[in-house]
Amino acid sequence: MVTLLLAPLMDCMTSFFFDAFAPSAQPELWSENIFRTLFNALNTCGILVTYSSAGLAKRSLVSAGFKIERLKGPPGKKHMLRGTK
């Protein structure tokens, strides 16, 4: 479904803010396939940012092709992740 929705946008998006529920609550939203679709929709210098820094999020992002960095989180959140294409 995500692939169909993003098909017209492939390789033109500059960023995504991925604000799904935690991987422990909805692991299906944190799959490699979801992140690969988002990766393919991003242009060459595109980024994805998420509040999650869970292991599943990191592994799925890396498997999809992202280079990830752990960033200082906003107030009340210790860390967050940024993935770059």
PDB file of N, CA and C in Angstrom:
ATOM      1  N   MET A   1       0.816  -1.192   0.000  1.00  0.00           N
ATOM      2  CA  MET A   1       0.000   0.000   0.000  1.00  0.00           C
ATOM      3  C   MET A   1       0.866   1.265   0.000  1.00  0.00           C
ATOM      4  N   VAL A   2       1.891   1.303   0.846  1.00  0.00           N
ATOM      5  CA  VAL A   2       2.770   2.472   0.909  1.00  0.00           C
ATOM      6  C   VAL A   2       3.453   2.677  -0.434  1.00  0.00           C
ATOM      7  N   THR A   3       3.914   1.590  -1.047  1.00  0.00           N
ATOM      8  CA  THR A   3       4.585   1.687  -2.338  1.00  0.00           C
ATOM      9  C   THR A   3       3.659   2.302  -3.382  1.00  0.00           C
ATOM     10  N   LEU A   4       2.406   1.883  -3.419  1.00  0.00           N
ATOM     11  CA  LEU A   4       1.453   2.432  -4.381  1.00  0.00           C
ATOM     12  C   LEU A   4       1.207   3.915  -4.154  1.00  0.00           C
ATOM     13  N   LEU A   5       1.105   4.319  -2.911  1.00  0.00           N
ATOM     14  CA  LEU A   5       0.862   5.725  -2.595  1.00  0.00           C
ATOM     15  C   LEU A   5       2.046   6.614  -2.957  1.00  0.00           C
ATOM     16  N   LEU A   6       3.259   6.101  -2.788  1.00  0.00           N
ATOM     17  CA  LEU A   6       4.455   6.910  -3.030  1.00  0.00           C
ATOM     18  C   LEU A   6       5.029   6.761  -4.433  1.00  0.00           C
ATOM     19  N   ALA A   7       4.504   5.849  -5.233  1.00  0.00           N
ATOM     20  CA  ALA A   7       5.045   5.594  -6.571  1.00  0.00           C
ATOM     21  C   ALA A   7       5.227   6.872  -7.397  1.00  0.00           C
ATOM     22  N   PRO A   8       4.257   7.785  -7.429  1.00  0.00           N
ATOM     23  CA  PRO A   8       4.458   8.992  -8.233  1.00  0.00           C
ATOM     24  C   PRO A   8       5.545   9.926  -7.686  1.00  0.00           C
ATOM     25  N   LEU A   9       5.957   9.704  -6.460  1.00  0.00           N
ATOM     26  CA  LEU A   9       6.923  10.595  -5.818  1.00  0.00           C
ATOM     27  C   LEU A   9       8.336  10.040  -5.770  1.00  0.00           C
ATOM     28  N   MET A  10       8.577   8.891  -6.366  1.00  0.00           N
ATOM     29  CA  MET A  10       9.879   8.251  -6.249  1.00  0.00           C
ATOM     30  C   MET A  10      11.012   9.188  -6.666  1.00  0.00           C
ATOM     31  N   ASP A  11      12.014   9.256  -5.828  1.00  0.00           N
ATOM     32  CA  ASP A  11      13.245  10.022  -6.041  1.00  0.00           C
ATOM     33  C   ASP A  11      13.034  11.533  -6.064  1.00  0.00           C
ATOM     34  N   CYS A  12      11.983  12.039  -5.440  1.00  0.00           N
ATOM     35  CA  CYS A  12      11.818  13.496  -5.453  1.00  0.00           C
ATOM     36  C   CYS A  12      11.581  14.102  -4.069  1.00  0.00           C
ATOM     37  N   MET A  13      11.330  13.293  -3.061  1.00  0.00           N
ATOM     38  CA  MET A  13      11.091  13.826  -1.718  1.00  0.00           C
ATOM     39  C   MET A  13      12.421  14.235  -1.078  1.00  0.00           C
ATOM     40  N   THR A  14      12.391  15.281  -0.273  1.00  0.00           N
ATOM     41  CA  THR A  14      13.613  15.721   0.406  1.00  0.00           C
ATOM     42  C   THR A  14      13.705  15.218   1.840  1.00  0.00           C
ATOM     43  N   SER A  15      12.538  14.968   2.477  1.00  0.00           N
ATOM     44  CA  SER A  15      12.583  14.505   3.862  1.00  0.00           C
ATOM     45  C   SER A  15      11.279  13.822   4.262  1.00  0.00           C
ATOM     46  N   PHE A  16      11.402  12.976   5.281  1.00  0.00           N
ATOM     47  CA  PHE A  16      10.267  12.344   5.927  1.00  0.00           C
ATOM     48  C   PHE A  16      10.456  12.470   7.428  1.00  0.00           C
ATOM     49  N   PHE A  17       9.388  12.820   8.131  1.00  0.00           N
ATOM     50  CA  PHE A  17       9.378  12.732   9.586  1.00  0.00           C
ATOM     51  C   PHE A  17       8.515  11.521   9.904  1.00  0.00           C
ATOM     52  N   PHE A  18       9.131  10.433  10.327  1.00  0.00           N
ATOM     53  CA  PHE A  18       8.435   9.178  10.570  1.00  0.00           C
ATOM     54  C   PHE A  18       8.009   9.146  12.027  1.00  0.00           C
ATOM     55  N   ASP A  19       6.718   9.377  12.280  1.00  0.00           N
ATOM     56  CA  ASP A  19       6.200   9.506  13.635  1.00  0.00           C
ATOM     57  C   ASP A  19       5.164   8.420  13.933  1.00  0.00           C
ATOM     58  N   ALA A  20       5.524   7.181  13.630  1.00  0.00           N
ATOM     59  CA  ALA A  20       4.636   6.051  13.918  1.00  0.00           C
ATOM     60  C   ALA A  20       4.700   5.722  15.410  1.00  0.00           C
ATOM     61  N   PHE A  21       3.748   4.905  15.879  1.00  0.00           N
ATOM     62  CA  PHE A  21       3.832   4.418  17.246  1.00  0.00           C
ATOM     63  C   PHE A  21       5.115   3.613  17.423  1.00  0.00           C
ATOM     64  N   ALA A  22       5.515   3.389  18.635  1.00  0.00           N
ATOM     65  CA  ALA A  22       6.765   2.680  18.946  1.00  0.00           C
ATOM     66  C   ALA A  22       6.824   1.324  18.259  1.00  0.00           C
ATOM     67  N   PRO A  23       8.026   0.872  17.893  1.00  0.00           N
ATOM     68  CA  PRO A  23       8.177  -0.441  17.278  1.00  0.00           C
ATOM     69  C   PRO A  23       7.593  -1.574  18.121  1.00  0.00           C
ATOM     70  N   SER A  24       7.631  -1.434  19.436  1.00  0.00           N
ATOM     71  CA  SER A  24       7.063  -2.477  20.292  1.00  0.00           C
ATOM     72  C   SER A  24       5.540  -2.517  20.191  1.00  0.00           C
ATOM     73  N   ALA A  25       4.911  -1.397  19.875  1.00  0.00           N
ATOM     74  CA  ALA A  25       3.453  -1.327  19.758  1.00  0.00           C
ATOM     75  C   ALA A  25       2.957  -1.707  18.367  1.00  0.00           C
ATOM     76  N   GLN A  26       3.690  -1.316  17.324  1.00  0.00           N
ATOM     77  CA  GLN A  26       3.297  -1.598  15.940  1.00  0.00           C
ATOM     78  C   GLN A  26       4.515  -1.972  15.110  1.00  0.00           C
ATOM     79  N   PRO A  27       5.071  -3.160  15.316  1.00  0.00           N
ATOM     80  CA  PRO A  27       6.292  -3.549  14.605  1.00  0.00           C
ATOM     81  C   PRO A  27       6.135  -3.569  13.085  1.00  0.00           C
ATOM     82  N   GLU A  28       4.920  -3.773  12.583  1.00  0.00           N
ATOM     83  CA  GLU A  28       4.719  -3.826  11.131  1.00  0.00           C
ATOM     84  C   GLU A  28       5.004  -2.481  10.454  1.00  0.00           C
ATOM     85  N   LEU A  29       4.941  -1.388  11.196  1.00  0.00           N
ATOM     86  CA  LEU A  29       5.248  -0.075  10.625  1.00  0.00           C
ATOM     87  C   LEU A  29       6.745   0.204  10.578  1.00  0.00           C
ATOM     88  N   TRP A  30       7.526  -0.673  11.167  1.00  0.00           N
ATOM     89  CA  TRP A  30       8.967  -0.472  11.258  1.00  0.00           C
ATOM     90  C   TRP A  30       9.737  -1.514  10.454  1.00  0.00           C
ATOM     91  N   SER A  31       9.142  -2.022   9.404  1.00  0.00           N
ATOM     92  CA  SER A  31       9.767  -3.082   8.612  1.00  0.00           C
ATOM     93  C   SER A  31      10.763  -2.508   7.597  1.00  0.00           C
ATOM     94  N   GLU A  32      11.671  -3.355   7.189  1.00  0.00           N
ATOM     95  CA  GLU A  32      12.632  -2.976   6.158  1.00  0.00           C
ATOM     96  C   GLU A  32      11.903  -2.556   4.881  1.00  0.00           C
ATOM     97  N   ASN A  33      10.817  -3.234   4.533  1.00  0.00           N
ATOM     98  CA  ASN A  33      10.083  -2.900   3.303  1.00  0.00           C
ATOM     99  C   ASN A  33       9.513  -1.480   3.343  1.00  0.00           C
ATOM    100  N   ILE A  34       8.959  -1.084   4.478  1.00  0.00           N
ATOM    101  CA  ILE A  34       8.443   0.291   4.613  1.00  0.00           C
ATOM    102  C   ILE A  34       9.574   1.292   4.428  1.00  0.00           C
ATOM    103  N   PHE A  35      10.692   1.064   5.116  1.00  0.00           N
ATOM    104  CA  PHE A  35      11.806   2.001   5.023  1.00  0.00           C
ATOM    105  C   PHE A  35      12.466   1.981   3.652  1.00  0.00           C
ATOM    106  N   ARG A  36      12.479   0.857   2.985  1.00  0.00           N
ATOM    107  CA  ARG A  36      13.044   0.800   1.629  1.00  0.00           C
ATOM    108  C   ARG A  36      12.190   1.647   0.677  1.00  0.00           C
ATOM    109  N   THR A  37      10.872   1.586   0.837  1.00  0.00           N
ATOM    110  CA  THR A  37       9.983   2.404   0.009  1.00  0.00           C
ATOM    111  C   THR A  37      10.235   3.887   0.256  1.00  0.00           C
ATOM    112  N   LEU A  38      10.380   4.268   1.523  1.00  0.00           N
ATOM    113  CA  LEU A  38      10.677   5.666   1.842  1.00  0.00           C
ATOM    114  C   LEU A  38      12.050   6.067   1.324  1.00  0.00           C
ATOM    115  N   PHE A  39      13.023   5.172   1.448  1.00  0.00           N
ATOM    116  CA  PHE A  39      14.373   5.422   0.939  1.00  0.00           C
ATOM    117  C   PHE A  39      14.327   5.705  -0.559  1.00  0.00           C
ATOM    118  N   ASN A  40      13.577   4.883  -1.296  1.00  0.00           N
ATOM    119  CA  ASN A  40      13.485   5.052  -2.752  1.00  0.00           C
ATOM    120  C   ASN A  40      12.749   6.329  -3.147  1.00  0.00           C
ATOM    121  N   ALA A  41      11.872   6.818  -2.289  1.00  0.00           N
ATOM    122  CA  ALA A  41      11.143   8.052  -2.582  1.00  0.00           C
ATOM    123  C   ALA A  41      11.989   9.300  -2.330  1.00  0.00           C
ATOM    124  N   LEU A  42      13.052   9.158  -1.554  1.00  0.00           N
ATOM    125  CA  LEU A  42      13.907  10.302  -1.243  1.00  0.00           C
ATOM    126  C   LEU A  42      14.861  10.613  -2.394  1.00  0.00           C
ATOM    127  N   ASN A  43      15.136  11.908  -2.569  1.00  0.00           N
ATOM    128  CA  ASN A  43      16.141  12.281  -3.558  1.00  0.00           C
ATOM    129  C   ASN A  43      17.536  11.963  -3.004  1.00  0.00           C
ATOM    130  N   THR A  44      18.558  12.256  -3.754  1.00  0.00           N
ATOM    131  CA  THR A  44      19.924  11.850  -3.406  1.00  0.00           C
ATOM    132  C   THR A  44      20.378  12.307  -2.027  1.00  0.00           C
ATOM    133  N   CYS A  45      19.982  13.478  -1.602  1.00  0.00           N
ATOM    134  CA  CYS A  45      20.417  14.003  -0.300  1.00  0.00           C
ATOM    135  C   CYS A  45      19.299  13.955   0.735  1.00  0.00           C
ATOM    136  N   GLY A  46      18.280  13.135   0.528  1.00  0.00           N
ATOM    137  CA  GLY A  46      17.125  13.094   1.404  1.00  0.00           C
ATOM    138  C   GLY A  46      17.428  12.560   2.795  1.00  0.00           C
ATOM    139  N   ILE A  47      16.578  12.950   3.757  1.00  0.00           N
ATOM    140  CA  ILE A  47      16.728  12.492   5.142  1.00  0.00           C
ATOM    141  C   ILE A  47      15.399  11.986   5.685  1.00  0.00           C
ATOM    142  N   LEU A  48      15.492  11.106   6.642  1.00  0.00           N
ATOM    143  CA  LEU A  48      14.344  10.624   7.402  1.00  0.00           C
ATOM    144  C   LEU A  48      14.687  10.810   8.872  1.00  0.00           C
ATOM    145  N   VAL A  49      13.760  11.352   9.637  1.00  0.00           N
ATOM    146  CA  VAL A  49      13.965  11.557  11.069  1.00  0.00           C
ATOM    147  C   VAL A  49      12.829  10.874  11.815  1.00  0.00           C
ATOM    148  N   THR A  50      13.162  10.229  12.933  1.00  0.00           N
ATOM    149  CA  THR A  50      12.151   9.600  13.775  1.00  0.00           C
ATOM    150  C   THR A  50      12.536   9.759  15.243  1.00  0.00           C
ATOM    151  N   TYR A  51      11.520   9.862  16.090  1.00  0.00           N
ATOM    152  CA  TYR A  51      11.765   9.930  17.530  1.00  0.00           C
ATOM    153  C   TYR A  51      12.284   8.609  18.083  1.00  0.00           C
ATOM    154  N   SER A  52      12.033   7.513  17.394  1.00  0.00           N
ATOM    155  CA  SER A  52      12.449   6.202  17.907  1.00  0.00           C
ATOM    156  C   SER A  52      13.948   6.006  17.744  1.00  0.00           C
ATOM    157  N   SER A  53      14.548   5.382  18.729  1.00  0.00           N
ATOM    158  CA  SER A  53      15.939   4.944  18.600  1.00  0.00           C
ATOM    159  C   SER A  53      16.048   3.471  18.985  1.00  0.00           C
ATOM    160  N   ALA A  54      14.920   2.767  18.885  1.00  0.00           N
ATOM    161  CA  ALA A  54      14.865   1.338  19.225  1.00  0.00           C
ATOM    162  C   ALA A  54      15.700   0.515  18.246  1.00  0.00           C
ATOM    163  N   GLY A  55      16.163  -0.631  18.716  1.00  0.00           N
ATOM    164  CA  GLY A  55      16.985  -1.514  17.897  1.00  0.00           C
ATOM    165  C   GLY A  55      16.323  -1.907  16.591  1.00  0.00           C
ATOM    166  N   LEU A  56      15.035  -2.236  16.630  1.00  0.00           N
ATOM    167  CA  LEU A  56      14.321  -2.609  15.410  1.00  0.00           C
ATOM    168  C   LEU A  56      14.331  -1.469  14.399  1.00  0.00           C
ATOM    169  N   ALA A  57      14.139  -0.253  14.864  1.00  0.00           N
ATOM    170  CA  ALA A  57      14.164   0.914  13.971  1.00  0.00           C
ATOM    171  C   ALA A  57      15.539   1.053  13.320  1.00  0.00           C
ATOM    172  N   LYS A  58      16.590   0.965  14.115  1.00  0.00           N
ATOM    173  CA  LYS A  58      17.950   1.085  13.589  1.00  0.00           C
ATOM    174  C   LYS A  58      18.241   0.010  12.551  1.00  0.00           C
ATOM    175  N   ARG A  59      17.944  -1.244  12.887  1.00  0.00           N
ATOM    176  CA  ARG A  59      18.231  -2.355  11.971  1.00  0.00           C
ATOM    177  C   ARG A  59      17.451  -2.231  10.670  1.00  0.00           C
ATOM    178  N   SER A  60      16.192  -1.859  10.754  1.00  0.00           N
ATOM    179  CA  SER A  60      15.370  -1.731   9.548  1.00  0.00           C
ATOM    180  C   SER A  60      15.845  -0.583   8.662  1.00  0.00           C
ATOM    181  N   LEU A  61      16.211   0.524   9.272  1.00  0.00           N
ATOM    182  CA  LEU A  61      16.726   1.658   8.501  1.00  0.00           C
ATOM    183  C   LEU A  61      18.016   1.293   7.774  1.00  0.00           C
ATOM    184  N   VAL A  62      18.943   0.660   8.471  1.00  0.00           N
ATOM    185  CA  VAL A  62      20.213   0.262   7.858  1.00  0.00           C
ATOM    186  C   VAL A  62      19.976  -0.762   6.749  1.00  0.00           C
ATOM    187  N   SER A  63      19.120  -1.740   6.989  1.00  0.00           N
ATOM    188  CA  SER A  63      18.822  -2.761   5.977  1.00  0.00           C
ATOM    189  C   SER A  63      18.197  -2.156   4.726  1.00  0.00           C
ATOM    190  N   ALA A  64      17.466  -1.058   4.896  1.00  0.00           N
ATOM    191  CA  ALA A  64      16.822  -0.393   3.759  1.00  0.00           C
ATOM    192  C   ALA A  64      17.787   0.503   2.990  1.00  0.00           C
ATOM    193  N   GLY A  65      18.991   0.727   3.544  1.00  0.00           N
ATOM    194  CA  GLY A  65      19.995   1.517   2.830  1.00  0.00           C
ATOM    195  C   GLY A  65      20.374   2.831   3.483  1.00  0.00           C
ATOM    196  N   PHE A  66      19.715   3.195   4.575  1.00  0.00           N
ATOM    197  CA  PHE A  66      20.015   4.465   5.235  1.00  0.00           C
ATOM    198  C   PHE A  66      21.328   4.400   6.000  1.00  0.00           C
ATOM    199  N   LYS A  67      22.017   5.536   6.048  1.00  0.00           N
ATOM    200  CA  LYS A  67      23.130   5.736   6.975  1.00  0.00           C
ATOM    201  C   LYS A  67      22.493   6.432   8.170  1.00  0.00           C
ATOM    202  N   ILE A  68      22.626   5.856   9.357  1.00  0.00           N
ATOM    203  CA  ILE A  68      21.912   6.423  10.502  1.00  0.00           C
ATOM    204  C   ILE A  68      22.848   7.100  11.493  1.00  0.00           C
ATOM    205  N   GLU A  69      22.280   8.081  12.179  1.00  0.00           N
ATOM    206  CA  GLU A  69      22.959   8.791  13.262  1.00  0.00           C
ATOM    207  C   GLU A  69      21.994   8.867  14.432  1.00  0.00           C
ATOM    208  N   ARG A  70      22.507   8.684  15.620  1.00  0.00           N
ATOM    209  CA  ARG A  70      21.704   8.884  16.817  1.00  0.00           C
ATOM    210  C   ARG A  70      21.903  10.328  17.260  1.00  0.00           C
ATOM    211  N   LEU A  71      20.800  11.043  17.409  1.00  0.00           N
ATOM    212  CA  LEU A  71      20.827  12.452  17.785  1.00  0.00           C
ATOM    213  C   LEU A  71      20.255  12.636  19.185  1.00  0.00           C
ATOM    214  N   LYS A  72      20.594  13.756  19.807  1.00  0.00           N
ATOM    215  CA  LYS A  72      19.971  14.126  21.077  1.00  0.00           C
ATOM    216  C   LYS A  72      18.489  14.365  20.803  1.00  0.00           C
ATOM    217  N   GLY A  73      17.651  13.790  21.629  1.00  0.00           N
ATOM    218  CA  GLY A  73      16.214  13.929  21.446  1.00  0.00           C
ATOM    219  C   GLY A  73      15.670  15.245  21.975  1.00  0.00           C
ATOM    220  N   PRO A  74      14.401  15.512  21.687  1.00  0.00           N
ATOM    221  CA  PRO A  74      13.754  16.711  22.218  1.00  0.00           C
ATOM    222  C   PRO A  74      13.504  16.546  23.723  1.00  0.00           C
ATOM    223  N   PRO A  75      13.008  17.570  24.398  1.00  0.00           N
ATOM    224  CA  PRO A  75      12.722  17.437  25.829  1.00  0.00           C
ATOM    225  C   PRO A  75      11.846  16.216  26.119  1.00  0.00           C
ATOM    226  N   GLY A  76      12.285  15.431  27.092  1.00  0.00           N
ATOM    227  CA  GLY A  76      11.544  14.218  27.465  1.00  0.00           C
ATOM    228  C   GLY A  76      11.928  12.988  26.680  1.00  0.00           C
ATOM    229  N   LYS A  77      12.819  13.129  25.705  1.00  0.00           N
ATOM    230  CA  LYS A  77      13.248  12.002  24.860  1.00  0.00           C
ATOM    231  C   LYS A  77      14.765  12.013  24.805  1.00  0.00           C
ATOM    232  N   LYS A  78      15.394  10.938  25.230  1.00  0.00           N
ATOM    233  CA  LYS A  78      16.863  10.920  25.313  1.00  0.00           C
ATOM    234  C   LYS A  78      17.528  10.973  23.946  1.00  0.00           C
ATOM    235  N   HIS A  79      17.059  10.114  23.004  1.00  0.00           N
ATOM    236  CA  HIS A  79      17.663  10.044  21.667  1.00  0.00           C
ATOM    237  C   HIS A  79      16.599   9.959  20.588  1.00  0.00           C
ATOM    238  N   MET A  80      17.015  10.262  19.373  1.00  0.00           N
ATOM    239  CA  MET A  80      16.203  10.054  18.184  1.00  0.00           C
ATOM    240  C   MET A  80      17.151   9.675  17.054  1.00  0.00           C
ATOM    241  N   LEU A  81      16.616   9.284  15.904  1.00  0.00           N
ATOM    242  CA  LEU A  81      17.454   8.847  14.788  1.00  0.00           C
ATOM    243  C   LEU A  81      17.257   9.723  13.560  1.00  0.00           C
ATOM    244  N   ARG A  82      18.363   9.896  12.834  1.00  0.00           N
ATOM    245  CA  ARG A  82      18.299  10.539  11.518  1.00  0.00           C
ATOM    246  C   ARG A  82      18.938   9.561  10.528  1.00  0.00           C
ATOM    247  N   GLY A  83      18.226   9.292   9.459  1.00  0.00           N
ATOM    248  CA  GLY A  83      18.743   8.451   8.385  1.00  0.00           C
ATOM    249  C   GLY A  83      18.949   9.280   7.147  1.00  0.00           C
ATOM    250  N   THR A  84      20.091   9.131   6.505  1.00  0.00           N
ATOM    251  CA  THR A  84      20.369   9.858   5.267  1.00  0.00           C
ATOM    252  C   THR A  84      20.561   8.870   4.134  1.00  0.00           C
ATOM    253  N   LYS A  85      20.192   9.313   2.944  1.00  0.00           N
ATOM    254  CA  LYS A  85      20.304   8.467   1.763  1.00  0.00           C
ATOM    255  C   LYS A  85      21.717   8.491   1.239  1.00  0.00           C
TER     256      LYS A  85
END
